[in-house]
């Protein structure tokens, strides 16, 4: 009589497929490079914002300031007088475009600066703070620039109005790029692995003490 047939599956780890064919490697250089760019960009944001705040506190621009601003336009035969630009300056004070853009850029710039330093130290709070600051600067910077453009409508020559319109778009694009750069370490797998690796090391060091 034939013996009963039996089959046994042997679990051989050598023949099993690896669970992760492409393991994510922690990359600390990427976040640190992003951090340096953010720190440099934050200084530019704060500088522009401080200039706006100073302009918001000037009731009247000096003749030298107006001549410096309009020098390039006059060389291109754009017909604009100092009195017209002074009225434009007054309108920007009235509609708070100086203050809005200046305050948002300064607060956003300092947030990006702090976030940049934390990101360089591989602290996960860094890119979060930098992203929030960059978003604030993006919204406030664009809105302030748009108000400046609206203030120039019907007051300054069309050439200058177009320049202010283009500047509002350029401000928005630059700040959106800054925001994208700040959020990059949060969505990049290698960068996130570097943050997690740093957290594990600090946890082990604190546990041994």
Foldseek 3Di string as FASTA:
>chain_A
DDDDDDDDDDDDPVPDDDPDPDDFAADLVLLLVLLVVLQVVLVVLLVLLVVLVVLLPDLFDDPVVLCVVCVVVVVVVFDDDSVLVRQLSNQLNVVVLSVQLSVLSNQLSVQSNQLSVCSNVLAPVSLVSNLVSLVSNLVSNLVSLVSSLVSCVPRGPPVVSVVSVVVSVVSNVVSVVSNCSSCVLVPDPNSVVNSVVVVVVVVVVVVVD
